[in-house]
C-alpha atoms as a PDB file:
ATOM      1  CA  UNK A   1      47.012   6.373-122.548  1.00  0.00           C
ATOM      2  CA  UNK A   2      49.191   6.848-119.275  1.00  0.00           C
ATOM      3  CA  UNK A   3      49.027  10.192-119.553  1.00  0.00           C
ATOM      4  CA  UNK A   4      45.326  10.248-118.899  1.00  0.00           C
ATOM      5  CA  UNK A   5      45.686   8.316-115.648  1.00  0.00           C
ATOM      6  CA  UNK A   6      47.965  10.645-114.641  1.00  0.00           C
ATOM      7  CA  UNK A   7      46.129  13.600-115.429  1.00  0.00           C
ATOM      8  CA  UNK A   8      43.087  12.067-114.112  1.00  0.00           C
ATOM      9  CA  UNK A   9      45.378  11.191-110.853  1.00  0.00           C
ATOM     10  CA  UNK A  10      46.709  15.053-110.689  1.00  0.00           C
ATOM     11  CA  UNK A  11      43.219  16.226-110.459  1.00  0.00           C
ATOM     12  CA  UNK A  12      41.917  14.050-107.547  1.00  0.00           C
ATOM     13  CA  UNK A  13      45.230  15.189-106.083  1.00  0.00           C
ATOM     14  CA  UNK A  14      44.706  18.542-106.403  1.00  0.00           C
ATOM     15  CA  UNK A  15      41.052  18.048-104.677  1.00  0.00           C
ATOM     16  CA  UNK A  16      42.143  16.280-101.823  1.00  0.00           C
ATOM     17  CA  UNK A  17      43.555  19.608 -99.888  1.00  0.00           C
ATOM     18  CA  UNK A  18      40.448  20.914-100.168  1.00  0.00           C
ATOM     19  CA  UNK A  19      38.057  18.595 -99.519  1.00  0.00           C
ATOM     20  CA  UNK A  20      40.265  17.880 -95.996  1.00  0.00           C
ATOM     21  CA  UNK A  21      39.674  21.798 -96.015  1.00  0.00           C
ATOM     22  CA  UNK A  22      36.088  21.275 -96.088  1.00  0.00           C
ATOM     23  CA  UNK A  23      35.947  19.014 -93.309  1.00  0.00           C
ATOM     24  CA  UNK A  24      37.714  20.684 -91.555  1.00  0.00           C
ATOM     25  CA  UNK A  25      35.523  23.809 -91.438  1.00  0.00           C
ATOM     26  CA  UNK A  26      32.474  21.700 -91.353  1.00  0.00           C
ATOM     27  CA  UNK A  27      33.907  20.106 -88.013  1.00  0.00           C
ATOM     28  CA  UNK A  28      35.069  23.260 -86.362  1.00  0.00           C
ATOM     29  CA  UNK A  29      31.767  24.578 -87.345  1.00  0.00           C
ATOM     30  CA  UNK A  30      30.315  21.773 -85.387  1.00  0.00           C
ATOM     31  CA  UNK A  31      32.361  22.430 -82.526  1.00  0.00           C
ATOM     32  CA  UNK A  32      31.795  25.949 -82.312  1.00  0.00           C
ATOM     33  CA  UNK A  33      27.802  25.300 -82.270  1.00  0.00           C
ATOM     34  CA  UNK A  34      28.670  22.617 -79.473  1.00  0.00           C
ATOM     35  CA  UNK A  35      30.422  25.313 -77.482  1.00  0.00           C
ATOM     36  CA  UNK A  36      27.545  27.797 -77.854  1.00  0.00           C
ATOM     37  CA  UNK A  37      25.226  24.993 -76.720  1.00  0.00           C
ATOM     38  CA  UNK A  38      26.999  24.149 -73.585  1.00  0.00           C
ATOM     39  CA  UNK A  39      27.555  27.513 -72.845  1.00  0.00           C
ATOM     40  CA  UNK A  40      23.735  28.197 -73.063  1.00  0.00           C
ATOM     41  CA  UNK A  41      22.903  24.582 -71.270  1.00  0.00           C
ATOM     42  CA  UNK A  42      25.416  25.582 -68.119  1.00  0.00           C
ATOM     43  CA  UNK A  43      24.263  29.292 -67.836  1.00  0.00           C
ATOM     44  CA  UNK A  44      20.464  27.871 -67.867  1.00  0.00           C
ATOM     45  CA  UNK A  45      21.522  25.031 -65.142  1.00  0.00           C
ATOM     46  CA  UNK A  46      23.510  27.134 -63.028  1.00  0.00           C
ATOM     47  CA  UNK A  47      21.066  30.270 -62.587  1.00  0.00           C
ATOM     48  CA  UNK A  48      18.429  27.206 -61.491  1.00  0.00           C
ATOM     49  CA  UNK A  49      20.759  25.503 -59.164  1.00  0.00           C
ATOM     50  CA  UNK A  50      22.322  28.386 -57.073  1.00  0.00           C
ATOM     51  CA  UNK A  51      22.105  32.236 -56.653  1.00  0.00           C
ATOM     52  CA  UNK A  52      25.825  32.566 -55.622  1.00  0.00           C
ATOM     53  CA  UNK A  53      27.409  35.229 -58.196  1.00  0.00           C
ATOM     54  CA  UNK A  54      30.854  33.578 -57.290  1.00  0.00           C
ATOM     55  CA  UNK A  55      29.560  30.265 -58.361  1.00  0.00           C
ATOM     56  CA  UNK A  56      27.785  31.191 -61.509  1.00  0.00           C
ATOM     57  CA  UNK A  57      30.858  33.550 -62.700  1.00  0.00           C
ATOM     58  CA  UNK A  58      33.031  30.582 -62.246  1.00  0.00           C
ATOM     59  CA  UNK A  59      30.950  27.913 -63.868  1.00  0.00           C
ATOM     60  CA  UNK A  60      30.232  30.083 -67.050  1.00  0.00           C
ATOM     61  CA  UNK A  61      34.289  31.053 -66.970  1.00  0.00           C
ATOM     62  CA  UNK A  62      35.292  27.521 -66.838  1.00  0.00           C
ATOM     63  CA  UNK A  63      32.610  27.007 -69.792  1.00  0.00           C
ATOM     64  CA  UNK A  64      33.665  29.710 -71.842  1.00  0.00           C
ATOM     65  CA  UNK A  65      37.659  29.567 -71.635  1.00  0.00           C
ATOM     66  CA  UNK A  66      37.707  24.954 -71.243  1.00  0.00           C
ATOM     67  CA  UNK A  67      34.809  24.205 -73.247  1.00  0.00           C
ATOM     68  CA  UNK A  68      34.900  20.811 -73.794  1.00  0.00           C
ATOM     69  CA  UNK A  69      37.273  19.852 -70.604  1.00  0.00           C
ATOM     70  CA  UNK A  70      34.461  22.153 -68.431  1.00  0.00           C
ATOM     71  CA  UNK A  71      31.563  19.920 -68.865  1.00  0.00           C
ATOM     72  CA  UNK A  72      33.022  17.152 -66.336  1.00  0.00           C
ATOM     73  CA  UNK A  73      34.080  19.089 -64.183  1.00  0.00           C
ATOM     74  CA  UNK A  74      31.040  21.293 -63.710  1.00  0.00           C
ATOM     75  CA  UNK A  75      28.869  18.167 -63.760  1.00  0.00           C
ATOM     76  CA  UNK A  76      31.188  16.860 -60.685  1.00  0.00           C
ATOM     77  CA  UNK A  77      31.005  20.715 -58.643  1.00  0.00           C
ATOM     78  CA  UNK A  78      27.227  21.694 -59.678  1.00  0.00           C
ATOM     79  CA  UNK A  79      25.194  21.579 -57.163  1.00  0.00           C
ATOM     80  CA  UNK A  80      22.849  18.287 -56.592  1.00  0.00           C
ATOM     81  CA  UNK A  81      19.123  20.139 -56.712  1.00  0.00           C
ATOM     82  CA  UNK A  82      17.980  22.959 -58.003  1.00  0.00           C
ATOM     83  CA  UNK A  83      16.461  25.976 -56.079  1.00  0.00           C
ATOM     84  CA  UNK A  84      13.106  25.028 -57.036  1.00  0.00           C
ATOM     85  CA  UNK A  85      13.672  21.807 -55.365  1.00  0.00           C
ATOM     86  CA  UNK A  86      15.311  23.154 -52.566  1.00  0.00           C
ATOM     87  CA  UNK A  87      11.843  25.191 -52.347  1.00  0.00           C
ATOM     88  CA  UNK A  88       9.340  22.880 -52.427  1.00  0.00           C
ATOM     89  CA  UNK A  89      11.456  20.164 -49.912  1.00  0.00           C
ATOM     90  CA  UNK A  90      11.536  23.425 -47.483  1.00  0.00           C
ATOM     91  CA  UNK A  91       7.818  23.986 -48.378  1.00  0.00           C
ATOM     92  CA  UNK A  92       7.221  19.971 -47.180  1.00  0.00           C
ATOM     93  CA  UNK A  93       9.000  20.113 -43.857  1.00  0.00           C
ATOM     94  CA  UNK A  94       7.175  22.907 -42.999  1.00  0.00           C
ATOM     95  CA  UNK A  95       4.202  21.249 -43.921  1.00  0.00           C
ATOM     96  CA  UNK A  96       4.953  18.308 -41.524  1.00  0.00           C
ATOM     97  CA  UNK A  97       6.066  20.534 -38.815  1.00  0.00           C
ATOM     98  CA  UNK A  98       2.994  22.119 -38.604  1.00  0.00           C
ATOM     99  CA  UNK A  99       1.013  18.831 -38.646  1.00  0.00           C
ATOM    100  CA  UNK A 100       3.098  17.682 -36.019  1.00  0.00           C
ATOM    101  CA  UNK A 101       2.246  20.648 -33.836  1.00  0.00           C
ATOM    102  CA  UNK A 102      -1.178  20.170 -32.599  1.00  0.00           C
ATOM    103  CA  UNK A 103      -2.925  23.536 -31.368  1.00  0.00           C
ATOM    104  CA  UNK A 104      -5.245  23.081 -28.924  1.00  0.00           C
ATOM    105  CA  UNK A 105      -8.588  24.925 -29.603  1.00  0.00           C
ATOM    106  CA  UNK A 106     -12.149  25.532 -27.603  1.00  0.00           C
ATOM    107  CA  UNK A 107     -14.896  22.975 -28.330  1.00  0.00           C
ATOM    108  CA  UNK A 108     -17.023  25.245 -28.283  1.00  0.00           C
ATOM    109  CA  UNK A 109     -16.120  28.411 -30.700  1.00  0.00           C
ATOM    110  CA  UNK A 110     -12.764  26.403 -31.786  1.00  0.00           C
ATOM    111  CA  UNK A 111     -10.621  29.491 -30.925  1.00  0.00           C
ATOM    112  CA  UNK A 112      -7.002  28.456 -29.750  1.00  0.00           C
ATOM    113  CA  UNK A 113      -6.523  27.841 -25.995  1.00  0.00           C
ATOM    114  CA  UNK A 114      -3.263  26.976 -24.093  1.00  0.00           C
ATOM    115  CA  UNK A 115      -3.075  23.616 -22.040  1.00  0.00           C
ATOM    116  CA  UNK A 116      -3.462  25.211 -18.595  1.00  0.00           C
ATOM    117  CA  UNK A 117      -6.721  27.335 -18.643  1.00  0.00           C
ATOM    118  CA  UNK A 118      -9.787  26.182 -17.124  1.00  0.00           C
ATOM    119  CA  UNK A 119     -11.926  28.146 -18.827  1.00  0.00           C
ATOM    120  CA  UNK A 120     -11.916  29.415 -22.384  1.00  0.00           C
ATOM    121  CA  UNK A 121     -11.331  33.034 -22.783  1.00  0.00           C
ATOM    122  CA  UNK A 122     -13.265  33.454 -25.562  1.00  0.00           C
ATOM    123  CA  UNK A 123     -17.097  31.768 -24.881  1.00  0.00           C
ATOM    124  CA  UNK A 124     -16.409  30.656 -20.877  1.00  0.00           C
ATOM    125  CA  UNK A 125     -16.765  27.293 -21.682  1.00  0.00           C
ATOM    126  CA  UNK A 126     -14.956  25.302 -19.132  1.00  0.00           C
ATOM    127  CA  UNK A 127     -12.311  23.339 -20.362  1.00  0.00           C
ATOM    128  CA  UNK A 128     -10.953  21.367 -17.184  1.00  0.00           C
ATOM    129  CA  UNK A 129     -11.790  21.163 -13.661  1.00  0.00           C
ATOM    130  CA  UNK A 130      -9.430  21.539 -10.798  1.00  0.00           C
ATOM    131  CA  UNK A 131      -9.484  18.214  -8.585  1.00  0.00           C
ATOM    132  CA  UNK A 132     -10.539  18.984  -5.131  1.00  0.00           C
ATOM    133  CA  UNK A 133      -8.110  16.912  -3.245  1.00  0.00           C
ATOM    134  CA  UNK A 134      -6.018  19.593  -0.734  1.00  0.00           C
ATOM    135  CA  UNK A 135      -2.848  18.316  -1.593  1.00  0.00           C
ATOM    136  CA  UNK A 136      -3.088  18.100  -5.382  1.00  0.00           C
ATOM    137  CA  UNK A 137      -4.909  20.993  -7.058  1.00  0.00           C
ATOM    138  CA  UNK A 138      -4.192  19.300 -10.853  1.00  0.00           C
ATOM    139  CA  UNK A 139      -6.046  20.179 -13.587  1.00  0.00           C
ATOM    140  CA  UNK A 140      -8.155  17.096 -14.787  1.00  0.00           C
ATOM    141  CA  UNK A 141      -9.843  16.357 -18.166  1.00  0.00           C
ATOM    142  CA  UNK A 142     -13.354  15.626 -18.476  1.00  0.00           C
ATOM    143  CA  UNK A 143     -12.832  12.103 -20.064  1.00  0.00           C
ATOM    144  CA  UNK A 144     -10.469  11.017 -17.097  1.00  0.00           C
ATOM    145  CA  UNK A 145     -12.192   8.930 -14.166  1.00  0.00           C
ATOM    146  CA  UNK A 146      -9.241   9.878 -11.766  1.00  0.00           C
ATOM    147  CA  UNK A 147      -6.448  12.029 -10.511  1.00  0.00           C
ATOM    148  CA  UNK A 148      -3.512  10.710 -12.442  1.00  0.00           C
ATOM    149  CA  UNK A 149      -1.553  12.694  -9.350  1.00  0.00           C
ATOM    150  CA  UNK A 150      -3.395  11.932  -6.078  1.00  0.00           C
ATOM    151  CA  UNK A 151      -5.927   9.052  -6.949  1.00  0.00           C
ATOM    152  CA  UNK A 152      -9.041  11.110  -6.102  1.00  0.00           C
ATOM    153  CA  UNK A 153     -12.113   9.634  -8.157  1.00  0.00           C
ATOM    154  CA  UNK A 154     -13.452  12.084 -10.710  1.00  0.00           C
ATOM    155  CA  UNK A 155     -16.965  11.365  -9.711  1.00  0.00           C
ATOM    156  CA  UNK A 156     -16.308  13.009  -6.080  1.00  0.00           C
ATOM    157  CA  UNK A 157     -14.364  16.445  -8.142  1.00  0.00           C
ATOM    158  CA  UNK A 158     -17.929  16.338 -10.238  1.00  0.00           C
END
């Protein structure tokens, strides 16, 4: 009986190194797969965030040579936003600036005009009147009731 227990014990002790080797291979294979996935993710992420060759090579080199140490370093050093985010933000900024810039156009032909023009050069529509005061000669909008510079009534001017 003692002999059978010893034989059984020695068989399990003999299988223990094989089991540890198998577990080591599985852990190593898992680490290798995670390393490959990390390289792929960093490659896709850095290409969407910068067009700098140095930034791309540095990130990939760090990930390839220091696989699990590089992830926290990469997450701290990578650009905050992607190239697409910056492009969309710039388009939004340009749209806001375009809305803020008021283009003056002729009331008849709707073509662009300048603020200091008396007549539209395209359709000859009278855009403003000159103040008739001898000292002033200010350009007056039709909606004004007096000249803002000299105070002459707009009815006198009309």
